[in-house]
Amino acid sequence: MPKTEKGIMIASLGGYGGKVIANTEEHTPAADFKYVAIVAISDTVITAPGNIDGVTSLSIPAGFPLYGEFDSITLTSGAVVAYQGGAF
């Protein structure tokens, strides 16, 4: 994991890729990574444990970005793009 200012910025903005999640399975990022941004593609109900309290069965509207460090993502409904980055 890069510790330079530029490396930290790239990692915190999801510079290590992402994926579309549109099912109700639990999704986890690659080893040594976290999900750092989640953007709803459609109205979504999400559970995403991490450094933000209350992201349990949270309803978010389409287009809404959620930033933090998330260990996993499980949807009840909807679809998101989950961006992978470093854990700081």
PDB file of N, CA and C in Angstrom:
ATOM      1  N   MET A   1       0.849  -1.171   0.000  1.00  0.00           N
ATOM      2  CA  MET A   1       0.000   0.000   0.000  1.00  0.00           C
ATOM      3  C   MET A   1       0.893   1.231   0.000  1.00  0.00           C
ATOM      4  N   PRO A   2       0.723   2.122  -0.942  1.00  0.00           N
ATOM      5  CA  PRO A   2       1.585   3.302  -1.025  1.00  0.00           C
ATOM      6  C   PRO A   2       1.312   4.267   0.118  1.00  0.00           C
ATOM      7  N   LYS A   3       2.376   4.830   0.679  1.00  0.00           N
ATOM      8  CA  LYS A   3       2.223   5.773   1.786  1.00  0.00           C
ATOM      9  C   LYS A   3       2.627   7.190   1.395  1.00  0.00           C
ATOM     10  N   THR A   4       2.861   7.433   0.115  1.00  0.00           N
ATOM     11  CA  THR A   4       3.117   8.792  -0.334  1.00  0.00           C
ATOM     12  C   THR A   4       1.797   9.544  -0.385  1.00  0.00           C
ATOM     13  N   GLU A   5       1.866  10.866  -0.401  1.00  0.00           N
ATOM     14  CA  GLU A   5       0.643  11.665  -0.472  1.00  0.00           C
ATOM     15  C   GLU A   5      -0.176  11.296  -1.712  1.00  0.00           C
ATOM     16  N   LYS A   6       0.494  11.163  -2.862  1.00  0.00           N
ATOM     17  CA  LYS A   6      -0.203  10.814  -4.099  1.00  0.00           C
ATOM     18  C   LYS A   6      -0.798   9.408  -3.999  1.00  0.00           C
ATOM     19  N   GLY A   7      -0.040   8.464  -3.462  1.00  0.00           N
ATOM     20  CA  GLY A   7      -0.530   7.097  -3.324  1.00  0.00           C
ATOM     21  C   GLY A   7      -1.737   7.001  -2.421  1.00  0.00           C
ATOM     22  N   ILE A   8      -1.713   7.739  -1.321  1.00  0.00           N
ATOM     23  CA  ILE A   8      -2.847   7.743  -0.396  1.00  0.00           C
ATOM     24  C   ILE A   8      -4.072   8.352  -1.067  1.00  0.00           C
ATOM     25  N   MET A   9      -3.879   9.417  -1.841  1.00  0.00           N
ATOM     26  CA  MET A   9      -5.004  10.034  -2.535  1.00  0.00           C
ATOM     27  C   MET A   9      -5.620   9.061  -3.545  1.00  0.00           C
ATOM     28  N   ILE A  10      -4.782   8.401  -4.328  1.00  0.00           N
ATOM     29  CA  ILE A  10      -5.281   7.441  -5.316  1.00  0.00           C
ATOM     30  C   ILE A  10      -6.051   6.321  -4.624  1.00  0.00           C
ATOM     31  N   ALA A  11      -5.488   5.781  -3.565  1.00  0.00           N
ATOM     32  CA  ALA A  11      -6.138   4.683  -2.850  1.00  0.00           C
ATOM     33  C   ALA A  11      -7.452   5.123  -2.222  1.00  0.00           C
ATOM     34  N   SER A  12      -7.489   6.327  -1.646  1.00  0.00           N
ATOM     35  CA  SER A  12      -8.704   6.793  -0.972  1.00  0.00           C
ATOM     36  C   SER A  12      -9.817   7.126  -1.953  1.00  0.00           C
ATOM     37  N   LEU A  13      -9.476   7.349  -3.222  1.00  0.00           N
ATOM     38  CA  LEU A  13     -10.490   7.655  -4.238  1.00  0.00           C
ATOM     39  C   LEU A  13     -10.880   6.435  -5.063  1.00  0.00           C
ATOM     40  N   GLY A  14     -10.538   5.249  -4.586  1.00  0.00           N
ATOM     41  CA  GLY A  14     -10.937   4.039  -5.291  1.00  0.00           C
ATOM     42  C   GLY A  14     -10.068   3.727  -6.484  1.00  0.00           C
ATOM     43  N   GLY A  15      -8.838   4.186  -6.473  1.00  0.00           N
ATOM     44  CA  GLY A  15      -7.937   3.992  -7.601  1.00  0.00           C
ATOM     45  C   GLY A  15      -7.508   2.558  -7.828  1.00  0.00           C
ATOM     46  N   TYR A  16      -7.957   1.660  -6.981  1.00  0.00           N
ATOM     47  CA  TYR A  16      -7.619   0.244  -7.140  1.00  0.00           C
ATOM     48  C   TYR A  16      -8.796  -0.561  -7.681  1.00  0.00           C
ATOM     49  N   GLY A  17      -9.689   0.108  -8.366  1.00  0.00           N
ATOM     50  CA  GLY A  17     -10.779  -0.590  -9.053  1.00  0.00           C
ATOM     51  C   GLY A  17     -12.041  -0.703  -8.225  1.00  0.00           C
ATOM     52  N   GLY A  18     -12.993  -1.327  -8.822  1.00  0.00           N
ATOM     53  CA  GLY A  18     -14.276  -1.503  -8.165  1.00  0.00           C
ATOM     54  C   GLY A  18     -15.094  -2.528  -8.905  1.00  0.00           C
ATOM     55  N   LYS A  19     -16.331  -2.682  -8.464  1.00  0.00           N
ATOM     56  CA  LYS A  19     -17.215  -3.629  -9.131  1.00  0.00           C
ATOM     57  C   LYS A  19     -18.664  -3.246  -8.897  1.00  0.00           C
ATOM     58  N   VAL A  20     -19.491  -3.700  -9.815  1.00  0.00           N
ATOM     59  CA  VAL A  20     -20.937  -3.526  -9.671  1.00  0.00           C
ATOM     60  C   VAL A  20     -21.447  -4.670  -8.813  1.00  0.00           C
ATOM     61  N   ILE A  21     -22.260  -4.326  -7.822  1.00  0.00           N
ATOM     62  CA  ILE A  21     -22.898  -5.319  -6.960  1.00  0.00           C
ATOM     63  C   ILE A  21     -24.396  -5.167  -7.142  1.00  0.00           C
ATOM     64  N   ALA A  22     -25.041  -6.259  -7.534  1.00  0.00           N
ATOM     65  CA  ALA A  22     -26.488  -6.201  -7.788  1.00  0.00           C
ATOM     66  C   ALA A  22     -27.176  -7.477  -7.303  1.00  0.00           C
ATOM     67  N   ASN A  23     -26.648  -8.069  -6.232  1.00  0.00           N
ATOM     68  CA  ASN A  23     -27.283  -9.256  -5.658  1.00  0.00           C
ATOM     69  C   ASN A  23     -27.245  -9.150  -4.141  1.00  0.00           C
ATOM     70  N   THR A  24     -27.765 -10.157  -3.457  1.00  0.00           N
ATOM     71  CA  THR A  24     -27.861 -10.086  -1.994  1.00  0.00           C
ATOM     72  C   THR A  24     -26.766 -10.891  -1.286  1.00  0.00           C
ATOM     73  N   GLU A  25     -25.732 -11.287  -1.993  1.00  0.00           N
ATOM     74  CA  GLU A  25     -24.601 -11.980  -1.378  1.00  0.00           C
ATOM     75  C   GLU A  25     -23.694 -10.979  -0.671  1.00  0.00           C
ATOM     76  N   GLU A  26     -22.932 -11.445   0.317  1.00  0.00           N
ATOM     77  CA  GLU A  26     -21.937 -10.589   0.957  1.00  0.00           C
ATOM     78  C   GLU A  26     -20.723 -10.471   0.036  1.00  0.00           C
ATOM     79  N   HIS A  27     -20.245  -9.240  -0.146  1.00  0.00           N
ATOM     80  CA  HIS A  27     -19.066  -8.988  -0.986  1.00  0.00           C
ATOM     81  C   HIS A  27     -17.979  -8.378  -0.121  1.00  0.00           C
ATOM     82  N   THR A  28     -16.745  -8.863  -0.278  1.00  0.00           N
ATOM     83  CA  THR A  28     -15.610  -8.316   0.448  1.00  0.00           C
ATOM     84  C   THR A  28     -14.541  -7.876  -0.551  1.00  0.00           C
ATOM     85  N   PRO A  29     -13.785  -6.851  -0.209  1.00  0.00           N
ATOM     86  CA  PRO A  29     -12.709  -6.404  -1.102  1.00  0.00           C
ATOM     87  C   PRO A  29     -11.529  -7.374  -1.055  1.00  0.00           C
ATOM     88  N   ALA A  30     -10.578  -7.173  -1.948  1.00  0.00           N
ATOM     89  CA  ALA A  30      -9.364  -7.987  -1.965  1.00  0.00           C
ATOM     90  C   ALA A  30      -8.605  -7.829  -0.643  1.00  0.00           C
ATOM     91  N   ALA A  31      -7.731  -8.781  -0.356  1.00  0.00           N
ATOM     92  CA  ALA A  31      -6.930  -8.738   0.870  1.00  0.00           C
ATOM     93  C   ALA A  31      -6.185  -7.404   0.974  1.00  0.00           C
ATOM     94  N   ASP A  32      -6.132  -6.866   2.181  1.00  0.00           N
ATOM     95  CA  ASP A  32      -5.440  -5.606   2.499  1.00  0.00           C
ATOM     96  C   ASP A  32      -6.122  -4.377   1.921  1.00  0.00           C
ATOM     97  N   PHE A  33      -7.354  -4.498   1.466  1.00  0.00           N
ATOM     98  CA  PHE A  33      -8.106  -3.369   0.935  1.00  0.00           C
ATOM     99  C   PHE A  33      -9.413  -3.213   1.688  1.00  0.00           C
ATOM    100  N   LYS A  34     -10.051  -2.084   1.472  1.00  0.00           N
ATOM    101  CA  LYS A  34     -11.395  -1.787   1.968  1.00  0.00           C
ATOM    102  C   LYS A  34     -12.177  -1.226   0.792  1.00  0.00           C
ATOM    103  N   TYR A  35     -13.505  -1.224   0.910  1.00  0.00           N
ATOM    104  CA  TYR A  35     -14.297  -0.433  -0.018  1.00  0.00           C
ATOM    105  C   TYR A  35     -14.274   0.988   0.538  1.00  0.00           C
ATOM    106  N   VAL A  36     -13.934   1.975  -0.298  1.00  0.00           N
ATOM    107  CA  VAL A  36     -13.795   3.352   0.178  1.00  0.00           C
ATOM    108  C   VAL A  36     -14.889   4.277  -0.336  1.00  0.00           C
ATOM    109  N   ALA A  37     -15.626   3.827  -1.328  1.00  0.00           N
ATOM    110  CA  ALA A  37     -16.754   4.604  -1.839  1.00  0.00           C
ATOM    111  C   ALA A  37     -17.778   3.632  -2.404  1.00  0.00           C
ATOM    112  N   ILE A  38     -19.021   3.921  -2.136  1.00  0.00           N
ATOM    113  CA  ILE A  38     -20.139   3.123  -2.641  1.00  0.00           C
ATOM    114  C   ILE A  38     -21.117   4.107  -3.267  1.00  0.00           C
ATOM    115  N   VAL A  39     -21.457   3.878  -4.534  1.00  0.00           N
ATOM    116  CA  VAL A  39     -22.390   4.763  -5.223  1.00  0.00           C
ATOM    117  C   VAL A  39     -23.591   3.933  -5.666  1.00  0.00           C
ATOM    118  N   ALA A  40     -24.773   4.345  -5.251  1.00  0.00           N
ATOM    119  CA  ALA A  40     -25.993   3.625  -5.609  1.00  0.00           C
ATOM    120  C   ALA A  40     -26.334   3.853  -7.081  1.00  0.00           C
ATOM    121  N   ILE A  41     -26.549   2.761  -7.802  1.00  0.00           N
ATOM    122  CA  ILE A  41     -26.984   2.832  -9.202  1.00  0.00           C
ATOM    123  C   ILE A  41     -28.498   2.981  -9.257  1.00  0.00           C
ATOM    124  N   SER A  42     -29.163   2.345  -8.318  1.00  0.00           N
ATOM    125  CA  SER A  42     -30.613   2.464  -8.178  1.00  0.00           C
ATOM    126  C   SER A  42     -30.899   2.612  -6.689  1.00  0.00           C
ATOM    127  N   ASP A  43     -32.143   2.932  -6.337  1.00  0.00           N
ATOM    128  CA  ASP A  43     -32.495   3.018  -4.919  1.00  0.00           C
ATOM    129  C   ASP A  43     -32.091   1.694  -4.260  1.00  0.00           C
ATOM    130  N   THR A  44     -31.387   1.778  -3.139  1.00  0.00           N
ATOM    131  CA  THR A  44     -30.721   0.614  -2.562  1.00  0.00           C
ATOM    132  C   THR A  44     -30.909   0.559  -1.057  1.00  0.00           C
ATOM    133  N   VAL A  45     -30.998  -0.666  -0.536  1.00  0.00           N
ATOM    134  CA  VAL A  45     -30.935  -0.891   0.904  1.00  0.00           C
ATOM    135  C   VAL A  45     -29.660  -1.693   1.137  1.00  0.00           C
ATOM    136  N   ILE A  46     -28.769  -1.162   1.993  1.00  0.00           N
ATOM    137  CA  ILE A  46     -27.416  -1.688   2.130  1.00  0.00           C
ATOM    138  C   ILE A  46     -27.021  -1.870   3.591  1.00  0.00           C
ATOM    139  N   THR A  47     -26.207  -2.887   3.831  1.00  0.00           N
ATOM    140  CA  THR A  47     -25.503  -3.067   5.094  1.00  0.00           C
ATOM    141  C   THR A  47     -24.027  -3.113   4.751  1.00  0.00           C
ATOM    142  N   ALA A  48     -23.239  -2.225   5.376  1.00  0.00           N
ATOM    143  CA  ALA A  48     -21.811  -2.128   5.069  1.00  0.00           C
ATOM    144  C   ALA A  48     -21.046  -1.787   6.348  1.00  0.00           C
ATOM    145  N   PRO A  49     -20.612  -2.812   7.100  1.00  0.00           N
ATOM    146  CA  PRO A  49     -19.862  -2.528   8.318  1.00  0.00           C
ATOM    147  C   PRO A  49     -18.523  -1.868   8.004  1.00  0.00           C
ATOM    148  N   GLY A  50     -18.137  -0.949   8.865  1.00  0.00           N
ATOM    149  CA  GLY A  50     -16.874  -0.240   8.667  1.00  0.00           C
ATOM    150  C   GLY A  50     -16.743   0.880   9.665  1.00  0.00           C
ATOM    151  N   ASN A  51     -16.194   1.996   9.229  1.00  0.00           N
ATOM    152  CA  ASN A  51     -15.911   3.090  10.162  1.00  0.00           C
ATOM    153  C   ASN A  51     -17.044   4.119  10.261  1.00  0.00           C
ATOM    154  N   ILE A  52     -18.199   3.819   9.708  1.00  0.00           N
ATOM    155  CA  ILE A  52     -19.361   4.700   9.832  1.00  0.00           C
ATOM    156  C   ILE A  52     -20.471   3.918  10.528  1.00  0.00           C
ATOM    157  N   ASP A  53     -20.917   4.406  11.674  1.00  0.00           N
ATOM    158  CA  ASP A  53     -21.999   3.753  12.405  1.00  0.00           C
ATOM    159  C   ASP A  53     -23.318   3.899  11.656  1.00  0.00           C
ATOM    160  N   GLY A  54     -24.172   2.894  11.749  1.00  0.00           N
ATOM    161  CA  GLY A  54     -25.525   3.006  11.235  1.00  0.00           C
ATOM    162  C   GLY A  54     -25.731   2.560   9.804  1.00  0.00           C
ATOM    163  N   VAL A  55     -24.729   1.968   9.185  1.00  0.00           N
ATOM    164  CA  VAL A  55     -24.908   1.498   7.806  1.00  0.00           C
ATOM    165  C   VAL A  55     -25.393   0.040   7.867  1.00  0.00           C
ATOM    166  N   THR A  56     -26.576  -0.108   8.457  1.00  0.00           N
ATOM    167  CA  THR A  56     -27.241  -1.409   8.581  1.00  0.00           C
ATOM    168  C   THR A  56     -28.664  -1.236   8.099  1.00  0.00           C
ATOM    169  N   SER A  57     -28.997  -1.919   7.010  1.00  0.00           N
ATOM    170  CA  SER A  57     -30.313  -1.770   6.377  1.00  0.00           C
ATOM    171  C   SER A  57     -30.607  -0.298   6.095  1.00  0.00           C
ATOM    172  N   LEU A  58     -29.594   0.407   5.609  1.00  0.00           N
ATOM    173  CA  LEU A  58     -29.706   1.831   5.295  1.00  0.00           C
ATOM    174  C   LEU A  58     -30.240   2.008   3.883  1.00  0.00           C
ATOM    175  N   SER A  59     -31.253   2.827   3.718  1.00  0.00           N
ATOM    176  CA  SER A  59     -31.799   3.141   2.395  1.00  0.00           C
ATOM    177  C   SER A  59     -31.049   4.323   1.813  1.00  0.00           C
ATOM    178  N   ILE A  60     -30.508   4.154   0.606  1.00  0.00           N
ATOM    179  CA  ILE A  60     -29.840   5.263  -0.082  1.00  0.00           C
ATOM    180  C   ILE A  60     -30.434   5.389  -1.488  1.00  0.00           C
ATOM    181  N   PRO A  61     -30.658   6.617  -1.946  1.00  0.00           N
ATOM    182  CA  PRO A  61     -31.260   6.828  -3.258  1.00  0.00           C
ATOM    183  C   PRO A  61     -30.242   6.659  -4.393  1.00  0.00           C
ATOM    184  N   ALA A  62     -30.737   6.414  -5.577  1.00  0.00           N
ATOM    185  CA  ALA A  62     -29.880   6.314  -6.763  1.00  0.00           C
ATOM    186  C   ALA A  62     -29.022   7.559  -6.890  1.00  0.00           C
ATOM    187  N   GLY A  63     -27.738   7.359  -7.191  1.00  0.00           N
ATOM    188  CA  GLY A  63     -26.814   8.466  -7.375  1.00  0.00           C
ATOM    189  C   GLY A  63     -26.115   8.913  -6.110  1.00  0.00           C
ATOM    190  N   PHE A  64     -26.547   8.419  -4.963  1.00  0.00           N
ATOM    191  CA  PHE A  64     -25.973   8.854  -3.692  1.00  0.00           C
ATOM    192  C   PHE A  64     -24.626   8.181  -3.453  1.00  0.00           C
ATOM    193  N   PRO A  65     -23.565   8.960  -3.152  1.00  0.00           N
ATOM    194  CA  PRO A  65     -22.270   8.370  -2.810  1.00  0.00           C
ATOM    195  C   PRO A  65     -22.123   8.227  -1.296  1.00  0.00           C
ATOM    196  N   LEU A  66     -21.543   7.148  -0.873  1.00  0.00           N
ATOM    197  CA  LEU A  66     -21.281   6.894   0.542  1.00  0.00           C
ATOM    198  C   LEU A  66     -19.781   6.643   0.671  1.00  0.00           C
ATOM    199  N   TYR A  67     -19.084   7.463   1.459  1.00  0.00           N
ATOM    200  CA  TYR A  67     -17.635   7.365   1.604  1.00  0.00           C
ATOM    201  C   TYR A  67     -17.277   6.864   2.997  1.00  0.00           C
ATOM    202  N   GLY A  68     -16.239   6.056   3.066  1.00  0.00           N
ATOM    203  CA  GLY A  68     -15.759   5.543   4.344  1.00  0.00           C
ATOM    204  C   GLY A  68     -14.773   4.422   4.091  1.00  0.00           C
ATOM    205  N   GLU A  69     -14.594   3.568   5.089  1.00  0.00           N
ATOM    206  CA  GLU A  69     -13.794   2.355   4.957  1.00  0.00           C
ATOM    207  C   GLU A  69     -14.691   1.196   5.344  1.00  0.00           C
ATOM    208  N   PHE A  70     -15.126   0.432   4.351  1.00  0.00           N
ATOM    209  CA  PHE A  70     -16.111  -0.618   4.564  1.00  0.00           C
ATOM    210  C   PHE A  70     -15.468  -1.992   4.385  1.00  0.00           C
ATOM    211  N   ASP A  71     -15.718  -2.887   5.346  1.00  0.00           N
ATOM    212  CA  ASP A  71     -15.147  -4.236   5.332  1.00  0.00           C
ATOM    213  C   ASP A  71     -15.880  -5.174   4.387  1.00  0.00           C
ATOM    214  N   SER A  72     -17.160  -4.937   4.207  1.00  0.00           N
ATOM    215  CA  SER A  72     -17.972  -5.773   3.322  1.00  0.00           C
ATOM    216  C   SER A  72     -19.231  -5.008   2.940  1.00  0.00           C
ATOM    217  N   ILE A  73     -19.924  -5.547   1.937  1.00  0.00           N
ATOM    218  CA  ILE A  73     -21.178  -4.946   1.474  1.00  0.00           C
ATOM    219  C   ILE A  73     -22.176  -6.065   1.243  1.00  0.00           C
ATOM    220  N   THR A  74     -23.371  -5.885   1.800  1.00  0.00           N
ATOM    221  CA  THR A  74     -24.486  -6.793   1.536  1.00  0.00           C
ATOM    222  C   THR A  74     -25.702  -5.941   1.214  1.00  0.00           C
ATOM    223  N   LEU A  75     -26.325  -6.206   0.079  1.00  0.00           N
ATOM    224  CA  LEU A  75     -27.529  -5.477  -0.319  1.00  0.00           C
ATOM    225  C   LEU A  75     -28.769  -6.280   0.018  1.00  0.00           C
ATOM    226  N   THR A  76     -29.813  -5.580   0.420  1.00  0.00           N
ATOM    227  CA  THR A  76     -31.143  -6.173   0.538  1.00  0.00           C
ATOM    228  C   THR A  76     -31.879  -5.990  -0.779  1.00  0.00           C
ATOM    229  N   SER A  77     -31.635  -4.837  -1.411  1.00  0.00           N
ATOM    230  CA  SER A  77     -32.222  -4.544  -2.716  1.00  0.00           C
ATOM    231  C   SER A  77     -31.384  -3.473  -3.392  1.00  0.00           C
ATOM    232  N   GLY A  78     -31.571  -3.328  -4.697  1.00  0.00           N
ATOM    233  CA  GLY A  78     -30.878  -2.287  -5.443  1.00  0.00           C
ATOM    234  C   GLY A  78     -29.569  -2.751  -6.042  1.00  0.00           C
ATOM    235  N   ALA A  79     -28.743  -1.782  -6.431  1.00  0.00           N
ATOM    236  CA  ALA A  79     -27.446  -2.048  -7.044  1.00  0.00           C
ATOM    237  C   ALA A  79     -26.508  -0.883  -6.762  1.00  0.00           C
ATOM    238  N   VAL A  80     -25.220  -1.191  -6.612  1.00  0.00           N
ATOM    239  CA  VAL A  80     -24.213  -0.176  -6.328  1.00  0.00           C
ATOM    240  C   VAL A  80     -22.948  -0.447  -7.141  1.00  0.00           C
ATOM    241  N   VAL A  81     -22.111   0.594  -7.248  1.00  0.00           N
ATOM    242  CA  VAL A  81     -20.732   0.422  -7.668  1.00  0.00           C
ATOM    243  C   VAL A  81     -19.903   0.604  -6.404  1.00  0.00           C
ATOM    244  N   ALA A  82     -19.066  -0.390  -6.085  1.00  0.00           N
ATOM    245  CA  ALA A  82     -18.217  -0.340  -4.899  1.00  0.00           C
ATOM    246  C   ALA A  82     -16.773  -0.158  -5.338  1.00  0.00           C
ATOM    247  N   TYR A  83     -16.140   0.913  -4.856  1.00  0.00           N
ATOM    248  CA  TYR A  83     -14.769   1.232  -5.231  1.00  0.00           C
ATOM    249  C   TYR A  83     -13.811   0.779  -4.137  1.00  0.00           C
ATOM    250  N   GLN A  84     -12.765   0.098  -4.552  1.00  0.00           N
ATOM    251  CA  GLN A  84     -11.787  -0.474  -3.640  1.00  0.00           C
ATOM    252  C   GLN A  84     -10.613   0.483  -3.454  1.00  0.00           C
ATOM    253  N   GLY A  85     -10.166   0.603  -2.231  1.00  0.00           N
ATOM    254  CA  GLY A  85      -9.014   1.438  -1.928  1.00  0.00           C
ATOM    255  C   GLY A  85      -8.303   0.932  -0.712  1.00  0.00           C
ATOM    256  N   GLY A  86      -7.346   1.685  -0.243  1.00  0.00           N
ATOM    257  CA  GLY A  86      -6.557   1.265   0.899  1.00  0.00           C
ATOM    258  C   GLY A  86      -7.228   1.570   2.212  1.00  0.00           C
ATOM    259  N   ALA A  87      -6.842   0.827   3.218  1.00  0.00           N
ATOM    260  CA  ALA A  87      -7.289   1.115   4.578  1.00  0.00           C
ATOM    261  C   ALA A  87      -6.219   1.956   5.243  1.00  0.00           C
ATOM    262  N   PHE A  88      -6.594   3.057   5.824  1.00  0.00           N
ATOM    263  CA  PHE A  88      -5.614   3.972   6.425  1.00  0.00           C
ATOM    264  C   PHE A  88      -5.819   3.980   7.891  1.00  0.00           C
TER     265      PHE A  88
END
